[in-house]
Amino acid sequence: MSREIHINRAKQTKAQQSSSTLEKIVSVAEKEFAERGYGDVTSKHICELANVNTASVNYYFGSKKSLYEYVLSQALCHDFWKNILNFSHTPGLNAEERLKSFFKNMIRAASSPEARKMKLILREIISASSIFNKKSLIESEINQIKRNISAIIHHITGISIDSPEMNRVAAFIILPLFILILEPEFLRAFNLYDANVQDNDIADDMVKYSLGGLFSLRETRHFEK
């Protein structure tokens, strides 16, 4: 075997090992950040769980923060998140059906292999910190959801999209869903999740109760007029 071939194979092996290390770090980081949040996870802990050198996070990413930003950016670019953001553009659906589509898409994603990406994004959305350098990107994502939900609420209730009341109503529609996805033990605490309960059942219930509140608002506004 020539020296050149030996060197090339050694380079290939090193590149494969480097790629494997990166994949392990990213996979573990995504899981830990999603389940525990940025503040409760250390670079050393990630490396230990990934079974790699404890300096690997700094070697490949420079810092825990840069690793977090990379993992979050990957999640934001994933197709599942794009599909959720585009829920209001499904043709042929009325306002009530679009709301139901949103709840079902969110809960379905939370029960899929992409659940960690979903939790990661939601944790950043509701975080009061400024960990993510591209905070404007996160803000644009949540604003798109708010706009879509607000349009649905407007169609059902007549509440002005730009009013303070709309902000409150949209929050009460969206936040319970976020919390249930991030902390599913709340469902179990109320015996809402068992072997006989399907994700569609949870989505149907959430839509039913949300619509009940929106219909009540519509009637109240009509009565006040």
Protein backbone atom coordinates (compact mmCIF):
# COMPACT_ATOMS: atom_id res chain seq x y z
CA MET A 1 0.00 0.00 0.00
CA SER A 2 1.45 3.36 -1.02
CA ARG A 3 1.97 6.09 1.54
CA GLU A 4 -0.50 8.34 -0.35
CA ILE A 5 -3.30 5.74 -0.16
CA HIS A 6 -2.58 5.20 3.54
CA ILE A 7 -2.78 8.93 4.22
CA ASN A 8 -6.03 9.30 2.26
CA ARG A 9 -7.65 6.42 4.15
CA ALA A 10 -6.50 7.87 7.44
CA LYS A 11 -8.08 11.19 6.49
CA GLN A 12 -11.33 9.46 5.54
CA THR A 13 -11.39 7.57 8.84
CA LYS A 14 -10.74 10.77 10.79
CA ALA A 15 -13.50 12.57 8.87
CA GLN A 16 -15.95 9.75 9.57
CA GLN A 17 -15.08 9.79 13.26
CA SER A 18 -15.50 13.56 13.35
CA SER A 19 -18.90 13.32 11.65
CA SER A 20 -19.99 10.62 14.09
CA THR A 21 -18.91 12.75 17.05
CA LEU A 22 -20.81 15.75 15.71
CA GLU A 23 -23.96 13.69 15.18
CA LYS A 24 -23.78 12.31 18.73
CA ILE A 25 -23.31 15.77 20.23
CA VAL A 26 -26.17 17.31 18.24
CA SER A 27 -28.54 14.43 18.99
CA VAL A 28 -27.86 14.53 22.73
CA ALA A 29 -27.95 18.33 22.85
CA GLU A 30 -31.32 18.45 21.09
CA LYS A 31 -32.80 15.99 23.59
CA GLU A 32 -31.33 17.64 26.67
CA PHE A 33 -32.15 21.22 25.66
CA ALA A 34 -35.70 20.17 24.74
CA GLU A 35 -36.37 18.30 27.97
CA ARG A 36 -34.46 20.40 30.50
CA GLY A 37 -33.95 23.81 28.95
CA TYR A 38 -30.76 25.66 28.10
CA GLY A 39 -29.84 26.76 31.62
CA ASP A 40 -29.94 23.30 33.21
CA VAL A 41 -27.66 21.62 30.65
CA THR A 42 -23.87 21.82 30.63
CA SER A 43 -21.40 21.08 27.84
CA LYS A 44 -19.73 18.48 30.05
CA HIS A 45 -23.05 16.70 30.61
CA ILE A 46 -23.76 16.63 26.88
CA CYS A 47 -20.33 15.15 26.16
CA GLU A 48 -20.72 12.53 28.86
CA LEU A 49 -24.10 11.40 27.53
CA ALA A 50 -22.75 11.38 23.97
CA ASN A 51 -19.75 9.38 25.18
CA VAL A 52 -17.25 11.76 23.59
CA ASN A 53 -14.31 13.80 24.90
CA THR A 54 -15.51 16.35 27.44
CA ALA A 55 -13.96 19.16 25.40
CA SER A 56 -15.80 18.19 22.22
CA VAL A 57 -18.55 20.83 22.44
CA ASN A 58 -15.99 23.64 22.64
CA TYR A 59 -13.83 22.00 19.97
CA TYR A 60 -16.61 21.69 17.38
CA PHE A 61 -18.89 24.60 18.29
CA GLY A 62 -16.86 27.00 20.40
CA SER A 63 -19.38 27.14 23.24
CA LYS A 64 -22.61 25.68 24.60
CA LYS A 65 -24.45 28.74 23.33
CA SER A 66 -23.23 28.21 19.76
CA LEU A 67 -24.27 24.55 19.97
CA TYR A 68 -27.71 25.59 21.20
CA GLU A 69 -28.10 28.09 18.38
CA TYR A 70 -27.11 25.46 15.83
CA VAL A 71 -29.57 22.87 17.17
CA LEU A 72 -32.40 25.42 17.36
CA SER A 73 -31.71 26.70 13.83
CA GLN A 74 -31.91 23.15 12.52
CA ALA A 75 -35.27 22.65 14.22
CA LEU A 76 -36.66 25.90 12.84
CA CYS A 77 -35.70 24.87 9.30
CA HIS A 78 -37.35 21.46 9.57
CA ASP A 79 -40.37 20.68 7.39
CA PHE A 80 -42.62 19.81 10.35
CA TRP A 81 -42.34 23.35 11.71
CA LYS A 82 -42.98 24.91 8.30
CA ASN A 83 -46.13 22.80 7.97
CA ILE A 84 -47.38 24.01 11.34
CA LEU A 85 -46.76 27.64 10.43
CA ASN A 86 -48.71 27.21 7.19
CA PHE A 87 -51.78 25.67 8.82
CA SER A 88 -54.01 28.66 8.08
CA HIS A 89 -53.41 28.45 4.34
CA THR A 90 -55.04 25.05 3.84
CA PRO A 91 -57.56 25.61 1.02
CA GLY A 92 -61.23 24.82 1.51
CA LEU A 93 -61.22 25.01 5.31
CA ASN A 94 -63.36 27.42 7.31
CA ALA A 95 -62.11 29.20 10.44
CA GLU A 96 -63.19 26.41 12.82
CA GLU A 97 -61.59 23.72 10.66
CA ARG A 98 -58.33 25.69 10.44
CA LEU A 99 -58.20 25.97 14.23
CA LYS A 100 -58.73 22.22 14.49
CA SER A 101 -55.99 21.64 11.91
CA PHE A 102 -53.58 23.75 13.98
CA PHE A 103 -54.24 21.83 17.19
CA LYS A 104 -53.98 18.45 15.47
CA ASN A 105 -50.76 19.36 13.65
CA MET A 106 -49.16 20.57 16.86
CA ILE A 107 -50.17 17.53 18.91
CA ARG A 108 -49.27 15.13 16.11
CA ALA A 109 -45.81 16.68 15.85
CA ALA A 110 -45.43 16.46 19.63
CA SER A 111 -46.07 12.70 19.43
CA SER A 112 -43.76 12.13 16.47
CA PRO A 113 -40.00 11.51 16.23
CA GLU A 114 -39.69 15.28 15.84
CA ALA A 115 -41.15 15.94 19.31
CA ARG A 116 -37.79 17.09 20.66
CA LYS A 117 -37.53 19.75 17.95
CA MET A 118 -41.06 20.90 18.80
CA LYS A 119 -40.25 21.20 22.51
CA LEU A 120 -36.99 22.97 21.76
CA ILE A 121 -38.74 25.63 19.69
CA LEU A 122 -41.57 26.10 22.19
CA ARG A 123 -39.14 26.47 25.10
CA GLU A 124 -37.36 29.23 23.22
CA ILE A 125 -40.62 30.92 22.25
CA ILE A 126 -41.83 31.21 25.83
CA SER A 127 -38.36 31.93 27.25
CA ALA A 128 -37.78 35.39 28.65
CA SER A 129 -34.05 35.07 27.99
CA SER A 130 -32.05 36.17 24.96
CA ILE A 131 -30.00 33.03 24.44
CA PHE A 132 -30.67 32.76 20.75
CA ASN A 133 -28.74 35.39 18.78
CA LYS A 134 -31.33 35.29 16.01
CA LYS A 135 -34.11 36.28 18.39
CA SER A 136 -35.87 38.15 15.60
CA LEU A 137 -36.29 34.82 13.79
CA ILE A 138 -38.04 33.28 16.79
CA GLU A 139 -40.19 36.38 17.16
CA SER A 140 -41.20 36.18 13.51
CA GLU A 141 -42.21 32.54 13.98
CA ILE A 142 -44.42 33.18 16.98
CA ASN A 143 -45.83 36.30 15.33
CA GLN A 144 -46.84 34.24 12.33
CA ILE A 145 -48.69 31.79 14.58
CA LYS A 146 -50.34 34.70 16.41
CA ARG A 147 -51.41 36.26 13.11
CA ASN A 148 -52.88 32.99 11.87
CA ILE A 149 -54.71 32.34 15.13
CA SER A 150 -55.87 35.97 15.32
CA ALA A 151 -57.36 35.74 11.83
CA ILE A 152 -59.34 32.67 12.91
CA ILE A 153 -60.50 34.38 16.12
CA HIS A 154 -61.53 37.46 14.14
CA HIS A 155 -63.64 35.37 11.75
CA ILE A 156 -65.41 33.67 14.65
CA THR A 157 -65.82 36.56 17.10
CA GLY A 158 -65.42 39.77 15.13
CA ILE A 159 -62.70 40.99 17.55
CA SER A 160 -60.31 43.41 15.85
CA ILE A 161 -57.02 41.76 14.97
CA ASP A 162 -54.93 44.69 16.25
CA SER A 163 -56.78 45.16 19.54
CA PRO A 164 -55.38 44.40 23.03
CA GLU A 165 -58.34 42.06 23.51
CA MET A 166 -57.16 39.98 20.56
CA ASN A 167 -53.73 39.57 22.18
CA ARG A 168 -55.35 38.18 25.33
CA VAL A 169 -57.70 35.85 23.48
CA ALA A 170 -54.93 34.52 21.21
CA ALA A 171 -52.71 33.90 24.25
CA PHE A 172 -55.43 31.90 26.01
CA ILE A 173 -55.87 29.79 22.86
CA ILE A 174 -52.18 29.16 22.18
CA LEU A 175 -50.47 28.95 25.59
CA PRO A 176 -52.42 25.99 27.06
CA LEU A 177 -51.46 23.98 23.99
CA PHE A 178 -47.80 24.93 24.38
CA ILE A 179 -47.82 24.00 28.06
CA LEU A 180 -49.43 20.61 27.45
CA ILE A 181 -46.83 19.79 24.82
CA LEU A 182 -43.92 20.91 27.00
CA GLU A 183 -45.22 19.32 30.19
CA PRO A 184 -47.29 16.25 29.21
CA GLU A 185 -47.39 15.10 32.84
CA PHE A 186 -50.13 17.71 33.30
CA LEU A 187 -52.30 15.51 31.09
CA ARG A 188 -51.54 12.47 33.20
CA ALA A 189 -52.20 14.40 36.41
CA PHE A 190 -55.77 14.91 35.25
CA ASN A 191 -56.04 11.37 33.87
CA LEU A 192 -56.28 12.73 30.34
CA TYR A 193 -53.63 10.46 28.88
CA ASP A 194 -53.99 6.70 29.05
CA ALA A 195 -53.93 3.76 26.68
CA ASN A 196 -57.43 4.56 25.41
CA VAL A 197 -56.87 8.24 24.68
CA GLN A 198 -55.58 9.18 21.24
CA ASP A 199 -53.88 12.40 20.19
CA ASN A 200 -56.88 13.24 18.00
CA ASP A 201 -59.12 12.98 21.07
CA ILE A 202 -56.98 15.51 22.94
CA ALA A 203 -56.97 17.82 19.91
CA ASP A 204 -60.74 17.49 19.47
CA ASP A 205 -61.34 18.35 23.12
CA MET A 206 -59.04 21.36 23.03
CA VAL A 207 -60.72 22.65 19.88
CA LYS A 208 -64.18 22.07 21.34
CA TYR A 209 -63.45 24.00 24.52
CA SER A 210 -61.58 26.75 22.67
CA LEU A 211 -64.46 27.19 20.24
CA GLY A 212 -66.91 27.20 23.14
CA GLY A 213 -65.08 30.16 24.62
CA LEU A 214 -64.89 31.95 21.27
CA PHE A 215 -68.59 31.43 20.57
CA SER A 216 -69.38 32.78 24.03
CA LEU A 217 -67.27 35.86 23.30
CA ARG A 218 -69.13 36.36 20.03
CA GLU A 219 -72.50 36.17 21.75
CA THR A 220 -71.36 38.52 24.52
CA ARG A 221 -70.11 41.08 22.02
CA HIS A 222 -73.37 40.82 20.06
CA PHE A 223 -75.43 41.28 23.25
CA GLU A 224 -73.38 44.31 24.32
CA LYS A 225 -74.05 45.96 20.98
